[in-house]
Amino acid sequence: MAGIFETLEQRGFVKDCTDVEGFKALTARESVSVYCGLDPTAESLHIGNMVPLMGLKHFQRAGHRPIVLMGGATGMIGDPSGKSDERNLQTPEQVRRNLEAQRPQFARILDVEGPNAACIVNNNDWFEPITFIEFLRVTGKHFRIGEMLGKESVRARLNSEVGLSYTEFSYMLLQAHDFRHLYETMGCRVQCGGADQWGNITAGMELIRKTCGAQAYGITYPLLMTADGKKLGKTEKGAVWLDAARTSPYEFYQYWVRCEDADVDRFLKMFTLLELDEIAGIVREHAAAPESRAGQKRLAWEVTRMIHGEAEANKARDAAAALYSTGLENLTDAQLAELFPDVPSIEVTMPEAGLPVADVLVQAGLAPSKNEARKLQQQGGVYLNNAVVPADKRVFTRADLASETMMLLRAGKKRYCLVRVV
């Protein structure tokens, strides 16, 4: 069990630690329980949530017990840390719905069975029975306003235009109460979280010290930005979700394939379980021929396999490869649509004899007239499913479909149209 701090550090997970030597001694001496809290702000986790969960995974692999705290109570308040505006309050029904949707997703990363199986808890289970007066007496009395005002997360919001409501100001006490509760009921002595959680984590440690006379520890992870300065997991379409209904496995795979060369090394370390020497080999191979994007492809496959399974990872890889091949074949309608999400499309009815090539090109808007369509074809400028359409081909038939009902037409290098046969 020794060496978990070194593992986390080598893989880029450590931003700060409250007591490095004490933490090393504790984790080398015994198996510990370590927790990370996640408030259910949506019906799916997103790839930003993978950072703390992968951290917990390394604890688990080192023989320690991970605890995922689902914020059934705190999710109805909203953590102000790292936020410039106050969150919109969710209804209890929204929070419950989000909790139930997220719960199965943790098992994609953490082992939920075995000797040190991950434990998933809901802090509403212990907050709901507590009265407001009892909470103030048991927890609130141990906090000084001056100390709370000194926390960076609080100062930043107090100095902003929107300010800080009493509701959000109280969040620190709720999280501290969580840490003490887990210490008292499950022997949890370590809390992990993003760098913006430092104030909340240290508040919990102080509460444990004052009320239980015990030493607890905290580790924060860096807030990840991509090499081009964007927040991890943010795209023009929005967040990259772990739920396949929100972000398809292909789109998920493509997010990682598109990452910058400068991100390959640290993303392989943080988002895969590959050994460090294997990662070093992948990075060397990638550096020798970056145009092949070997590093991104391996990263994308590994992460997609973890979240969506090997079969979906293979399908996403094969679909992506087909995009750049000389022909598109053996794809589904959904995969073809995902490959070309912004391409114009038309619907056609295809008779037994097929559809004249020139007619389809005009209908697709790829040629202004049948004569121009034929001329473009004669010049080798018409492509069907990424393959050149021969000059003597007169009709498209169902044999030309790339998927169940669709084929891809291209004129020149950049003008595309998806043709769906109905």
Protein backbone atom coordinates (compact mmCIF):
# COMPACT_ATOMS: atom_id res chain seq x y z
CA MET A 1 0.00 0.00 0.00
CA ALA A 2 3.00 2.31 0.14
CA GLY A 3 3.56 4.82 -2.58
CA ILE A 4 0.08 6.17 -3.31
CA PHE A 5 1.28 9.76 -2.92
CA GLU A 6 4.11 9.13 -5.38
CA THR A 7 1.67 7.51 -7.82
CA LEU A 8 -0.67 10.49 -7.65
CA GLU A 9 2.20 12.93 -7.97
CA GLN A 10 3.77 11.16 -10.95
CA ARG A 11 0.43 11.12 -12.75
CA GLY A 12 -0.24 14.82 -12.17
CA PHE A 13 -3.01 14.56 -9.58
CA VAL A 14 -1.41 16.54 -6.74
CA LYS A 15 -1.93 20.28 -6.50
CA ASP A 16 -1.64 20.60 -2.71
CA CYS A 17 -1.50 18.31 0.30
CA THR A 18 -2.09 19.42 3.86
CA ASP A 19 0.70 17.26 5.32
CA VAL A 20 2.76 15.31 2.81
CA GLU A 21 4.93 13.39 5.25
CA GLY A 22 2.05 12.59 7.58
CA PHE A 23 -0.06 11.42 4.67
CA LYS A 24 2.76 9.23 3.34
CA ALA A 25 3.28 7.66 6.75
CA LEU A 26 -0.44 7.01 7.23
CA THR A 27 -1.02 5.41 3.83
CA ALA A 28 2.14 3.30 4.10
CA ARG A 29 1.10 2.07 7.54
CA GLU A 30 -2.52 1.11 6.93
CA SER A 31 -5.39 0.94 4.50
CA VAL A 32 -7.34 4.18 4.73
CA SER A 33 -10.75 5.38 3.65
CA VAL A 34 -10.65 8.39 1.33
CA TYR A 35 -13.60 10.34 0.05
CA CYS A 36 -14.51 12.79 -2.66
CA GLY A 37 -17.84 14.58 -2.88
CA LEU A 38 -19.80 15.24 -6.07
CA ASP A 39 -22.97 17.31 -6.11
CA PRO A 40 -25.60 15.99 -8.58
CA THR A 41 -25.97 19.11 -10.72
CA ALA A 42 -27.03 17.16 -13.85
CA GLU A 43 -28.40 13.75 -14.84
CA SER A 44 -24.93 12.67 -15.97
CA LEU A 45 -21.36 13.02 -14.89
CA HIS A 46 -19.03 14.75 -17.34
CA ILE A 47 -15.36 14.19 -18.10
CA GLY A 48 -14.31 16.86 -15.61
CA ASN A 49 -15.71 14.57 -12.89
CA MET A 50 -13.32 11.87 -14.07
CA VAL A 51 -10.36 13.64 -12.46
CA PRO A 52 -11.38 13.01 -8.81
CA LEU A 53 -12.80 9.60 -9.69
CA MET A 54 -9.56 8.50 -11.34
CA GLY A 55 -7.75 9.76 -8.24
CA LEU A 56 -9.99 7.52 -6.12
CA LYS A 57 -9.28 4.65 -8.53
CA HIS A 58 -5.57 4.90 -7.82
CA PHE A 59 -6.27 4.83 -4.09
CA GLN A 60 -8.35 1.72 -4.64
CA ARG A 61 -5.63 0.04 -6.70
CA ALA A 62 -3.18 0.77 -3.88
CA GLY A 63 -5.38 -1.08 -1.38
CA HIS A 64 -7.34 1.80 0.11
CA ARG A 65 -11.13 2.22 0.25
CA PRO A 66 -12.72 4.95 -1.88
CA ILE A 67 -15.92 6.66 -0.76
CA VAL A 68 -18.02 8.60 -3.26
CA LEU A 69 -20.20 11.12 -1.48
CA MET A 70 -23.23 12.06 -3.55
CA GLY A 71 -24.52 15.45 -2.46
CA GLY A 72 -28.22 14.81 -2.07
CA ALA A 73 -28.29 17.60 0.52
CA THR A 74 -25.47 19.88 -0.59
CA GLY A 75 -26.70 19.62 -4.19
CA MET A 76 -29.77 21.58 -3.13
CA ILE A 77 -27.52 24.44 -1.94
CA GLY A 78 -24.70 24.71 -4.48
CA ASP A 79 -20.99 25.10 -3.84
CA PRO A 80 -19.76 28.66 -4.47
CA SER A 81 -16.14 27.54 -4.84
CA GLY A 82 -14.77 28.48 -8.25
CA LYS A 83 -18.10 29.98 -9.35
CA SER A 84 -18.54 33.63 -10.30
CA ASP A 85 -22.34 33.49 -10.07
CA GLU A 86 -24.75 31.86 -7.67
CA ARG A 87 -26.11 28.53 -8.84
CA ASN A 88 -29.81 28.16 -9.58
CA LEU A 89 -31.34 26.11 -6.78
CA GLN A 90 -32.54 22.68 -7.87
CA THR A 91 -35.77 21.15 -6.67
CA PRO A 92 -35.61 18.02 -4.46
CA GLU A 93 -37.12 16.08 -7.39
CA GLN A 94 -34.34 17.25 -9.74
CA VAL A 95 -31.66 16.28 -7.23
CA ARG A 96 -33.16 12.83 -6.69
CA ARG A 97 -33.44 12.27 -10.44
CA ASN A 98 -29.83 13.30 -10.95
CA LEU A 99 -28.67 11.06 -8.11
CA GLU A 100 -30.32 7.98 -9.56
CA ALA A 101 -28.99 8.69 -13.05
CA GLN A 102 -25.41 9.25 -11.87
CA ARG A 103 -25.13 6.34 -9.44
CA PRO A 104 -24.46 3.58 -12.03
CA GLN A 105 -21.79 5.69 -13.74
CA PHE A 106 -19.39 5.45 -10.80
CA ALA A 107 -19.06 1.70 -11.39
CA ARG A 108 -17.52 2.37 -14.81
CA ILE A 109 -14.40 3.68 -13.10
CA LEU A 110 -14.43 2.28 -9.56
CA ASP A 111 -14.74 -1.34 -8.47
CA VAL A 112 -17.94 -1.64 -6.46
CA GLU A 113 -17.25 -5.23 -5.39
CA GLY A 114 -14.27 -6.83 -3.71
CA PRO A 115 -12.29 -6.42 -0.47
CA ASN A 116 -11.90 -2.63 -0.80
CA ALA A 117 -14.99 -1.97 -2.87
CA ALA A 118 -16.01 1.62 -3.42
CA CYS A 119 -18.73 2.82 -1.10
CA ILE A 120 -21.32 5.27 -2.45
CA VAL A 121 -23.14 7.38 0.14
CA ASN A 122 -25.69 10.21 0.05
CA ASN A 123 -25.22 13.04 2.54
CA ASN A 124 -28.96 13.69 2.63
CA ASP A 125 -29.20 10.49 4.69
CA TRP A 126 -27.60 12.25 7.66
CA PHE A 127 -28.61 15.84 7.00
CA GLU A 128 -32.34 15.24 6.62
CA PRO A 129 -32.91 14.18 10.27
CA ILE A 130 -30.95 17.17 11.69
CA THR A 131 -32.84 20.32 12.68
CA PHE A 132 -31.38 23.74 11.87
CA ILE A 133 -30.90 24.51 15.56
CA GLU A 134 -29.11 21.19 16.12
CA PHE A 135 -26.79 21.85 13.15
CA LEU A 136 -25.86 25.27 14.53
CA ARG A 137 -25.15 23.78 17.97
CA VAL A 138 -23.22 20.72 16.75
CA THR A 139 -21.27 22.23 13.84
CA GLY A 140 -21.82 25.96 13.53
CA LYS A 141 -20.44 26.80 16.97
CA HIS A 142 -16.96 25.57 15.95
CA PHE A 143 -16.52 28.10 13.12
CA ARG A 144 -15.38 31.70 13.40
CA ILE A 145 -16.65 34.21 10.85
CA GLY A 146 -13.20 35.78 10.53
CA GLU A 147 -11.68 32.43 9.52
CA MET A 148 -14.46 31.74 7.03
CA LEU A 149 -14.04 35.17 5.46
CA GLY A 150 -10.35 34.42 4.99
CA LYS A 151 -11.04 31.45 2.71
CA GLU A 152 -10.13 32.22 -0.90
CA SER A 153 -13.41 30.83 -2.27
CA VAL A 154 -15.34 33.19 0.00
CA ARG A 155 -13.13 36.25 -0.59
CA ALA A 156 -13.39 35.91 -4.35
CA ARG A 157 -17.17 35.97 -4.29
CA LEU A 158 -17.43 38.72 -1.67
CA ASN A 159 -15.31 40.96 -3.90
CA SER A 160 -17.38 40.21 -7.01
CA GLU A 161 -20.39 42.13 -8.28
CA VAL A 162 -22.84 39.33 -7.46
CA GLY A 163 -21.60 38.90 -3.89
CA LEU A 164 -22.28 35.81 -1.77
CA SER A 165 -25.60 34.73 -0.29
CA TYR A 166 -25.92 33.31 3.21
CA THR A 167 -27.06 30.07 1.58
CA GLU A 168 -23.78 29.61 -0.29
CA PHE A 169 -21.75 30.99 2.63
CA SER A 170 -23.08 28.07 4.68
CA TYR A 171 -21.85 25.47 2.18
CA MET A 172 -18.44 25.26 3.86
CA LEU A 173 -20.08 24.16 7.12
CA LEU A 174 -22.09 21.48 5.33
CA GLN A 175 -19.00 19.99 3.69
CA ALA A 176 -17.07 20.13 6.94
CA HIS A 177 -19.94 18.31 8.65
CA ASP A 178 -19.74 15.64 5.91
CA PHE A 179 -16.05 15.03 6.61
CA ARG A 180 -16.61 14.68 10.34
CA HIS A 181 -19.59 12.37 9.80
CA LEU A 182 -17.56 10.08 7.52
CA TYR A 183 -14.69 10.11 10.03
CA GLU A 184 -16.99 9.14 12.89
CA THR A 185 -19.02 6.49 11.02
CA MET A 186 -16.53 5.08 8.50
CA GLY A 187 -13.10 6.04 9.84
CA CYS A 188 -12.47 8.27 6.82
CA ARG A 189 -9.34 10.40 7.34
CA VAL A 190 -8.63 11.69 3.82
CA GLN A 191 -10.63 13.98 1.57
CA CYS A 192 -9.75 14.77 -2.04
CA GLY A 193 -11.14 17.38 -4.38
CA GLY A 194 -10.37 20.02 -6.96
CA ALA A 195 -8.03 22.89 -6.17
CA ASP A 196 -11.04 25.13 -5.52
CA GLN A 197 -12.03 22.83 -2.64
CA TRP A 198 -9.02 23.66 -0.46
CA GLY A 199 -10.97 25.93 1.90
CA ASN A 200 -13.81 23.43 2.32
CA ILE A 201 -11.43 20.52 2.91
CA THR A 202 -9.34 22.33 5.53
CA ALA A 203 -12.54 23.45 7.27
CA GLY A 204 -13.53 19.80 7.66
CA MET A 205 -10.09 18.89 8.95
CA GLU A 206 -10.33 21.62 11.59
CA LEU A 207 -13.78 20.42 12.64
CA ILE A 208 -12.45 16.87 13.10
CA ARG A 209 -9.49 18.17 15.11
CA LYS A 210 -11.70 20.31 17.38
CA THR A 211 -14.49 17.82 17.98
CA CYS A 212 -12.75 14.44 17.69
CA GLY A 213 -9.16 15.30 18.56
CA ALA A 214 -7.94 13.48 15.43
CA GLN A 215 -5.67 14.29 12.47
CA ALA A 216 -7.26 14.24 9.02
CA TYR A 217 -5.67 14.95 5.64
CA GLY A 218 -6.58 16.67 2.42
CA ILE A 219 -5.31 16.49 -1.16
CA THR A 220 -6.40 18.75 -4.00
CA TYR A 221 -6.17 18.06 -7.70
CA PRO A 222 -5.25 20.71 -10.28
CA LEU A 223 -8.10 22.29 -12.19
CA LEU A 224 -7.40 21.04 -15.69
CA MET A 225 -7.26 23.27 -18.72
CA THR A 226 -6.38 22.05 -22.19
CA ALA A 227 -3.20 23.22 -23.90
CA ASP A 228 -5.19 25.78 -25.90
CA GLY A 229 -6.58 27.35 -22.73
CA LYS A 230 -10.06 25.81 -22.71
CA LYS A 231 -11.72 24.18 -19.72
CA LEU A 232 -11.46 20.41 -19.89
CA GLY A 233 -14.53 18.83 -21.45
CA LYS A 234 -16.03 22.02 -22.83
CA THR A 235 -16.82 22.10 -26.55
CA GLU A 236 -18.88 24.29 -28.84
CA LYS A 237 -21.76 21.88 -28.28
CA GLY A 238 -21.37 22.01 -24.49
CA ALA A 239 -20.05 19.53 -21.94
CA VAL A 240 -18.74 16.07 -22.82
CA TRP A 241 -20.97 13.72 -20.80
CA LEU A 242 -20.43 10.12 -19.66
CA ASP A 243 -24.04 9.28 -20.54
CA ALA A 244 -24.14 7.84 -24.06
CA ALA A 245 -27.56 9.43 -24.64
CA ARG A 246 -26.06 12.89 -24.11
CA THR A 247 -22.64 12.37 -25.71
CA SER A 248 -22.46 9.37 -28.03
CA PRO A 249 -19.49 7.01 -27.71
CA TYR A 250 -18.27 8.25 -31.10
CA GLU A 251 -18.45 11.92 -30.05
CA PHE A 252 -16.79 10.97 -26.76
CA TYR A 253 -13.99 9.19 -28.64
CA GLN A 254 -13.58 12.12 -31.02
CA TYR A 255 -13.16 14.60 -28.15
CA TRP A 256 -9.99 12.80 -27.05
CA VAL A 257 -8.73 12.27 -30.61
CA ARG A 258 -8.94 16.02 -31.19
CA CYS A 259 -6.87 16.96 -28.13
CA GLU A 260 -3.65 18.90 -28.65
CA ASP A 261 -0.28 17.14 -28.93
CA ALA A 262 0.83 18.98 -25.78
CA ASP A 263 -1.98 17.30 -23.79
CA VAL A 264 -1.29 13.69 -24.79
CA ASP A 265 1.24 12.84 -22.07
CA ARG A 266 -0.65 14.26 -19.09
CA PHE A 267 -4.04 13.02 -20.31
CA LEU A 268 -2.70 9.47 -20.72
CA LYS A 269 -1.37 9.66 -17.16
CA MET A 270 -4.56 11.05 -15.65
CA PHE A 271 -7.32 9.36 -17.63
CA THR A 272 -5.95 5.87 -18.27
CA LEU A 273 -4.55 3.09 -16.10
CA LEU A 274 -1.65 2.37 -18.44
CA GLU A 275 1.69 1.96 -16.68
CA LEU A 276 3.98 4.97 -16.83
CA ASP A 277 6.67 3.22 -18.87
CA GLU A 278 4.09 2.22 -21.49
CA ILE A 279 2.82 5.80 -21.59
CA ALA A 280 6.39 7.01 -22.11
CA GLY A 281 6.67 4.67 -25.10
CA ILE A 282 3.41 5.92 -26.58
CA VAL A 283 4.55 9.52 -26.17
CA ARG A 284 7.88 8.77 -27.89
CA GLU A 285 6.07 7.09 -30.78
CA HIS A 286 3.73 10.05 -31.04
CA ALA A 287 6.55 12.60 -30.98
CA ALA A 288 8.30 10.77 -33.83
CA ALA A 289 5.24 11.11 -36.11
CA PRO A 290 2.69 13.50 -34.58
CA GLU A 291 0.73 13.67 -37.83
CA SER A 292 -0.42 10.07 -37.25
CA ARG A 293 -2.02 11.10 -33.92
CA ALA A 294 -1.08 7.73 -32.43
CA GLY A 295 -1.06 9.18 -28.92
CA GLN A 296 -4.52 10.70 -29.25
CA LYS A 297 -5.93 7.52 -30.78
CA ARG A 298 -4.63 5.35 -27.95
CA LEU A 299 -5.88 7.85 -25.37
CA ALA A 300 -9.31 7.99 -27.01
CA TRP A 301 -9.64 4.21 -27.19
CA GLU A 302 -8.55 3.65 -23.58
CA VAL A 303 -10.89 6.25 -22.10
CA THR A 304 -13.84 5.25 -24.31
CA ARG A 305 -13.30 1.59 -23.37
CA MET A 306 -13.36 2.50 -19.67
CA ILE A 307 -16.57 4.52 -19.90
CA HIS A 308 -18.53 2.78 -22.67
CA GLY A 309 -16.96 -0.67 -22.93
CA GLU A 310 -14.58 -2.28 -25.41
CA ALA A 311 -17.20 -2.97 -28.08
CA GLU A 312 -18.23 0.70 -28.26
CA ALA A 313 -14.60 1.81 -28.20
CA ASN A 314 -13.85 -0.43 -31.16
CA LYS A 315 -16.89 0.82 -33.07
CA ALA A 316 -15.92 4.44 -32.43
CA ARG A 317 -12.34 3.75 -33.53
CA ASP A 318 -13.45 1.97 -36.69
CA ALA A 319 -15.95 4.69 -37.55
CA ALA A 320 -13.29 7.37 -37.11
CA ALA A 321 -10.90 5.40 -39.28
CA ALA A 322 -13.57 5.08 -41.96
CA LEU A 323 -13.88 8.85 -42.12
CA TYR A 324 -10.38 9.07 -43.56
CA SER A 325 -10.40 5.88 -45.61
CA THR A 326 -10.98 5.64 -49.36
CA GLY A 327 -14.42 4.15 -48.81
CA LEU A 328 -17.15 4.14 -46.17
CA GLU A 329 -18.72 0.78 -45.57
CA ASN A 330 -20.25 -1.43 -42.88
CA LEU A 331 -21.44 1.60 -40.90
CA THR A 332 -24.83 2.21 -39.30
CA ASP A 333 -27.01 5.21 -40.10
CA ALA A 334 -26.28 6.60 -36.64
CA GLN A 335 -22.51 6.27 -37.08
CA LEU A 336 -22.60 7.91 -40.50
CA ALA A 337 -24.69 10.78 -39.14
CA GLU A 338 -22.25 11.19 -36.24
CA LEU A 339 -19.30 11.26 -38.63
CA PHE A 340 -20.83 14.17 -40.49
CA PRO A 341 -23.04 16.02 -37.98
CA ASP A 342 -23.03 19.35 -39.81
CA VAL A 343 -23.35 18.07 -43.39
CA PRO A 344 -26.54 18.98 -45.33
CA SER A 345 -28.82 16.06 -46.08
CA ILE A 346 -31.62 15.18 -48.48
CA GLU A 347 -34.15 12.36 -48.73
CA VAL A 348 -34.79 10.53 -51.96
CA THR A 349 -37.00 7.69 -53.17
CA MET A 350 -34.99 5.14 -55.12
CA PRO A 351 -36.71 3.04 -57.81
CA GLU A 352 -35.57 -0.47 -58.65
CA ALA A 353 -33.53 0.83 -61.60
CA GLY A 354 -31.72 3.31 -59.41
CA LEU A 355 -31.34 7.09 -59.49
CA PRO A 356 -29.36 8.96 -62.18
CA VAL A 357 -26.11 10.29 -60.73
CA ALA A 358 -26.59 13.74 -62.30
CA ASP A 359 -30.11 14.05 -60.85
CA VAL A 360 -28.93 13.28 -57.33
CA LEU A 361 -26.03 15.74 -57.56
CA VAL A 362 -28.39 18.54 -58.58
CA GLN A 363 -30.93 17.65 -55.90
CA ALA A 364 -28.15 17.57 -53.31
CA GLY A 365 -27.02 21.05 -54.32
CA LEU A 366 -23.60 19.80 -55.38
CA ALA A 367 -24.06 20.88 -59.02
CA PRO A 368 -26.18 23.70 -60.53
CA SER A 369 -27.36 21.60 -63.48
CA LYS A 370 -27.26 18.09 -64.89
CA ASN A 371 -24.73 19.16 -67.51
CA GLU A 372 -22.43 20.60 -64.81
CA ALA A 373 -22.92 17.44 -62.78
CA ARG A 374 -21.84 15.23 -65.68
CA LYS A 375 -18.85 17.47 -66.39
CA LEU A 376 -17.77 17.31 -62.72
CA GLN A 377 -18.07 13.53 -62.82
CA GLN A 378 -16.01 13.29 -66.00
CA GLN A 379 -13.28 15.34 -64.29
CA GLY A 380 -13.13 12.91 -61.34
CA GLY A 381 -14.60 15.46 -58.94
CA VAL A 382 -17.54 13.40 -57.65
CA TYR A 383 -17.07 11.07 -54.67
CA LEU A 384 -19.40 8.42 -53.26
CA ASN A 385 -18.60 7.31 -49.72
CA ASN A 386 -15.13 8.87 -50.09
CA ALA A 387 -14.35 6.95 -53.29
CA VAL A 388 -14.23 8.57 -56.76
CA VAL A 389 -17.33 7.92 -58.83
CA PRO A 390 -16.19 6.46 -62.19
CA ALA A 391 -16.94 8.55 -65.26
CA ASP A 392 -19.10 5.81 -66.78
CA LYS A 393 -21.32 5.26 -63.73
CA ARG A 394 -24.83 6.40 -64.63
CA VAL A 395 -27.02 5.50 -61.64
CA PHE A 396 -26.84 5.04 -57.88
CA THR A 397 -28.51 1.89 -56.53
CA ARG A 398 -29.05 0.43 -53.09
CA ALA A 399 -25.75 -1.38 -53.48
CA ASP A 400 -24.08 2.03 -53.19
CA LEU A 401 -25.39 2.68 -49.65
CA ALA A 402 -22.74 3.07 -46.95
CA SER A 403 -25.19 2.18 -44.16
CA GLU A 404 -28.73 0.87 -43.92
CA THR A 405 -30.29 3.81 -45.75
CA MET A 406 -27.59 6.42 -46.35
CA MET A 407 -24.73 7.29 -48.66
CA LEU A 408 -22.30 10.19 -48.62
CA LEU A 409 -21.80 12.36 -51.72
CA ARG A 410 -18.95 14.83 -52.13
CA ALA A 411 -18.14 17.34 -54.86
CA GLY A 412 -14.55 18.49 -54.88
CA LYS A 413 -12.73 18.58 -51.56
CA LYS A 414 -15.22 20.14 -49.15
CA ARG A 415 -18.83 20.08 -50.37
CA TYR A 416 -20.74 17.17 -48.82
CA CYS A 417 -24.29 15.88 -48.70
CA LEU A 418 -25.78 12.90 -46.91
CA VAL A 419 -28.39 11.18 -49.07
CA ARG A 420 -31.00 9.15 -47.22
CA VAL A 421 -33.12 6.67 -49.16
CA VAL A 422 -36.72 6.55 -47.92
